[in-house]
Every structure is written in C-alpha cells, then in structure tokens.
Amino acid sequence: MLNNRYNKILRGLFTAGPKLAVAAVFAALFFGESETTPVPRTGSLRRIVSLSPAISRQIRDLGEEERIVGVTSWDDLANIKGMTVTGNLIQINMETLVALRPDMVYSSREDSAVQRMEKISHLGLPAHTFTRNYTYEDIEENYLSLARMLGREERAHHRLEAYRRELKKTAVPESPPVIAFFVSHDPLIPVT
C-alpha cells in the first residue's frame, strides 16, 4: 500500500505541468492563508521535513528534533551528520523529498511561495503551511498549532509562559527610536 502510494507520487513528478500551475493559482485565490492535508493523529508524526528554518527551531524548542528527517540548506540542522538536505529556500529537490517518505512536510507562509508547496501537495505528500506572522500572538498561535500536531501542547504552554515572562522583563523605550533610511553611503543620500 505504502509503496504503491509513493510510486504514484513519483509518476506525478514526471507528469505535473501547466495544469498544476493553473490549479495552484486557483487554490491560492480561494483557499486562504493556511493549507494542509488532513492532519494525522496528534503525536503520530515520526518523519518530518521542515522547509522553514524557523519551524525547525520551533520543533527543536519542543524537544522533537529527532523527528526531523529533512531540511533546507539554510537550516541550522543541515550540518548535522545524517540529516538530508532537500534543497534551498528557492529550489526544493522533489525526488529527494519523496524519497524521504515524510509523514508531514512543513513550510511557512513567509517562504512557501518559492517552495512550490502546491506541487508537494499535488504529489500526495502530507503538507501543512503555517500562516503568516504579523504579530507576536500570530507566532504563539502557529507555535501552539505545531505543538498540537506533535503531541507537545503542554510543553508549548510552559515554553510560551517562560517567553512571556522574559518579554515582560524587556525594557520598553519611553519614546520610539528615530530611524533614518539612506539610499547610498557614498555619496550620502537620505530617503526623504
């Protein structure tokens, strides 16, 4: 059964074309910010590919780095012996990705546009793209969502409490900082 599924995926690698691009544009227009295939049972993910260094750091923060089997070359984990590099932030090697047989492929909305997540989903690989982070609360929500999928929600709540305590200790300036933008430093040309 599993081999049959991956054989279909491999065949899909060679037959995907212009129709896939049209379907991806349609899906992007009508299905919002976060895409996912059905999420497996909580904690059942054993083989994860992370296409976002930030997500990899969150998985490590949750104490689950041993589940990661593939990352991009920009990831801190890329230099660990035995870690499979699936490409970079711009080009993902689909054959390598499929060969890893992941239970889930994670990406972030910030960088998923260049990772061709629609093709990954089209190949039948379980995939989840986390929504864009605009606020600290967005970061917390994505972190908790990841923790739920990994079965580490309790640890995530403890970690978030610790982060909130640290944030409260951070001094807030009395007035906002003054910022200047320059087009060039020689000659000095400010943006007005």
Protein backbone atom coordinates (compact mmCIF):
# COMPACT_ATOMS: atom_id res chain seq x y z
CA MET A 1 0.00 0.00 0.00
CA LEU A 2 2.69 2.49 1.06
CA ASN A 3 4.97 1.63 -1.88
CA ASN A 4 2.02 1.99 -4.27
CA ARG A 5 1.31 5.47 -2.86
CA TYR A 6 4.89 6.59 -3.38
CA ASN A 7 5.03 5.07 -6.87
CA LYS A 8 2.02 7.25 -7.75
CA ILE A 9 3.84 10.24 -6.28
CA LEU A 10 6.95 9.50 -8.34
CA ARG A 11 4.84 9.21 -11.52
CA GLY A 12 3.26 12.55 -10.61
CA LEU A 13 6.71 14.14 -10.52
CA PHE A 14 7.11 13.48 -14.21
CA THR A 15 3.60 14.33 -15.37
CA ALA A 16 2.95 17.60 -13.49
CA GLY A 17 2.81 20.53 -15.86
CA PRO A 18 0.80 23.63 -16.83
CA LYS A 19 -2.44 22.21 -15.41
CA LEU A 20 -0.78 22.05 -11.99
CA ALA A 21 0.15 25.73 -12.22
CA VAL A 22 -3.44 26.71 -13.03
CA ALA A 23 -4.76 24.56 -10.16
CA ALA A 24 -2.24 26.12 -7.77
CA VAL A 25 -3.29 29.67 -8.69
CA PHE A 26 -6.95 28.71 -8.25
CA ALA A 27 -6.23 27.15 -4.83
CA ALA A 28 -4.21 30.15 -3.69
CA LEU A 29 -7.02 32.53 -4.62
CA PHE A 30 -9.84 30.59 -2.97
CA PHE A 31 -8.45 28.70 0.00
CA GLY A 32 -6.88 31.38 2.19
CA GLU A 33 -3.57 31.57 4.02
CA SER A 34 -3.09 28.13 5.56
CA GLU A 35 -3.16 24.98 3.51
CA THR A 36 -2.98 21.49 4.85
CA THR A 37 -3.79 17.94 4.04
CA PRO A 38 -5.76 16.14 6.74
CA VAL A 39 -3.66 16.32 9.91
CA PRO A 40 -2.66 12.91 11.28
CA ARG A 41 -3.49 11.85 14.83
CA THR A 42 -1.79 14.01 17.45
CA GLY A 43 1.76 12.86 18.04
CA SER A 44 1.74 10.29 15.21
CA LEU A 45 4.22 12.21 13.05
CA ARG A 46 7.57 10.41 13.01
CA ARG A 47 9.21 11.64 9.78
CA ILE A 48 9.04 15.40 9.30
CA VAL A 49 10.59 17.53 6.58
CA SER A 50 10.86 21.19 7.54
CA LEU A 51 11.21 23.66 4.67
CA SER A 52 11.49 26.60 7.06
CA PRO A 53 14.41 27.15 9.45
CA ALA A 54 12.03 28.91 11.87
CA ILE A 55 9.77 25.85 12.02
CA SER A 56 12.79 23.60 12.57
CA ARG A 57 13.82 25.78 15.53
CA GLN A 58 10.30 25.51 16.95
CA ILE A 59 10.36 21.72 16.61
CA ARG A 60 13.71 21.68 18.42
CA ASP A 61 12.30 24.00 21.09
CA LEU A 62 9.52 21.48 21.65
CA GLY A 63 12.15 18.75 22.14
CA GLU A 64 11.22 16.83 19.00
CA GLU A 65 14.22 17.37 16.70
CA GLU A 66 14.73 13.59 16.30
CA ARG A 67 11.56 13.54 14.16
CA ILE A 68 13.11 15.83 11.53
CA VAL A 69 14.48 13.83 8.59
CA GLY A 70 14.96 16.62 6.05
CA VAL A 71 15.63 20.37 5.97
CA THR A 72 16.77 23.09 3.56
CA SER A 73 20.41 24.09 3.23
CA TRP A 74 19.66 27.30 5.17
CA ASP A 75 18.65 25.36 8.27
CA ASP A 76 20.90 25.04 11.35
CA LEU A 77 20.27 21.29 11.23
CA ALA A 78 21.66 20.99 7.68
CA ASN A 79 25.19 20.45 9.02
CA ILE A 80 24.26 17.56 11.31
CA LYS A 81 25.61 14.21 10.12
CA GLY A 82 22.86 12.10 8.62
CA MET A 83 20.45 14.99 8.01
CA THR A 84 19.12 15.06 4.46
CA VAL A 85 19.14 18.43 2.72
CA THR A 86 16.11 18.72 0.44
CA GLY A 87 17.29 21.83 -1.40
CA ASN A 88 17.42 25.51 -0.51
CA LEU A 89 14.75 28.12 0.19
CA ILE A 90 14.28 28.70 -3.54
CA GLN A 91 14.55 25.24 -5.11
CA ILE A 92 13.35 22.04 -3.44
CA ASN A 93 14.55 18.72 -4.86
CA MET A 94 11.26 16.87 -5.24
CA GLU A 95 12.89 13.47 -5.80
CA THR A 96 14.83 13.78 -2.53
CA LEU A 97 11.71 14.95 -0.73
CA VAL A 98 9.63 11.99 -1.96
CA ALA A 99 12.45 9.53 -1.19
CA LEU A 100 12.36 10.62 2.48
CA ARG A 101 8.76 9.37 2.75
CA PRO A 102 7.74 12.08 5.22
CA ASP A 103 4.66 11.87 7.43
CA MET A 104 4.43 15.66 7.08
CA VAL A 105 6.13 18.49 5.16
CA TYR A 106 6.03 21.83 6.99
CA SER A 107 6.51 25.26 5.48
CA SER A 108 5.83 28.83 6.48
CA ARG A 109 3.69 31.28 4.51
CA GLU A 110 6.65 33.68 4.60
CA ASP A 111 8.64 31.41 2.30
CA SER A 112 6.19 28.88 0.85
CA ALA A 113 5.64 30.87 -2.35
CA VAL A 114 9.11 29.91 -3.53
CA GLN A 115 8.93 26.33 -2.28
CA ARG A 116 6.22 25.15 -4.63
CA MET A 117 4.05 23.72 -1.86
CA GLU A 118 1.23 23.20 -4.33
CA LYS A 119 3.39 20.69 -6.21
CA ILE A 120 4.28 18.93 -2.95
CA SER A 121 0.59 18.58 -2.10
CA HIS A 122 -0.18 17.50 -5.68
CA LEU A 123 2.31 14.68 -5.26
CA GLY A 124 0.21 13.37 -2.39
CA LEU A 125 2.68 14.21 0.36
CA PRO A 126 1.05 15.35 3.61
CA ALA A 127 1.84 19.06 3.89
CA HIS A 128 0.99 22.00 6.12
CA THR A 129 1.78 25.66 5.52
CA PHE A 130 1.64 27.84 8.62
CA THR A 131 0.01 31.25 8.31
CA ARG A 132 1.99 34.47 8.03
CA ASN A 133 3.11 36.00 11.34
CA TYR A 134 2.10 39.64 11.68
CA THR A 135 2.10 39.86 15.49
CA TYR A 136 3.56 38.08 18.49
CA GLU A 137 0.15 36.47 19.00
CA ASP A 138 0.37 35.01 15.48
CA ILE A 139 3.72 33.46 16.36
CA GLU A 140 2.21 31.94 19.51
CA GLU A 141 -0.77 30.54 17.60
CA ASN A 142 1.43 28.90 14.96
CA TYR A 143 3.70 27.51 17.70
CA LEU A 144 0.69 26.01 19.51
CA SER A 145 -0.67 24.59 16.26
CA LEU A 146 2.66 22.87 15.60
CA ALA A 147 2.78 21.60 19.20
CA ARG A 148 -0.72 20.10 18.85
CA MET A 149 0.34 18.21 15.72
CA LEU A 150 3.40 16.88 17.55
CA GLY A 151 1.50 15.97 20.71
CA ARG A 152 3.54 18.52 22.72
CA GLU A 153 0.87 21.08 23.61
CA GLU A 154 1.58 21.01 27.35
CA ARG A 155 5.29 21.70 26.79
CA ALA A 156 4.38 24.51 24.38
CA HIS A 157 2.21 26.22 27.00
CA HIS A 158 5.07 26.05 29.53
CA ARG A 159 7.55 27.43 26.98
CA LEU A 160 5.20 30.26 25.99
CA GLU A 161 4.72 31.23 29.65
CA ALA A 162 8.50 31.44 30.03
CA TYR A 163 8.77 33.58 26.89
CA ARG A 164 6.04 35.93 28.13
CA ARG A 165 7.88 36.36 31.45
CA GLU A 166 11.05 37.23 29.54
CA LEU A 167 9.18 39.72 27.36
CA LYS A 168 7.77 41.45 30.45
CA LYS A 169 11.34 41.95 31.70
CA THR A 170 12.29 43.71 28.48
CA ALA A 171 12.54 47.46 28.90
CA VAL A 172 10.20 49.45 26.68
CA PRO A 173 11.70 52.74 25.47
CA GLU A 174 9.90 55.89 26.60
CA SER A 175 9.86 57.20 23.06
CA PRO A 176 10.09 55.34 19.77
CA PRO A 177 13.53 55.14 18.19
CA VAL A 178 14.47 57.60 15.47
CA ILE A 179 15.15 55.84 12.20
CA ALA A 180 16.76 57.14 9.04
CA PHE A 181 16.98 55.37 5.69
CA PHE A 182 19.77 56.01 3.22
CA VAL A 183 19.92 55.10 -0.44
CA SER A 184 23.70 55.37 -0.52
CA HIS A 185 26.54 55.99 1.88
CA ASP A 186 28.99 57.41 -0.70
CA PRO A 187 27.70 59.93 -1.53
CA LEU A 188 25.36 60.10 1.47
CA ILE A 189 21.78 60.16 0.11
CA PRO A 190 18.93 60.02 2.64
CA VAL A 191 15.39 58.93 1.81
CA THR A 192 13.07 61.88 2.27
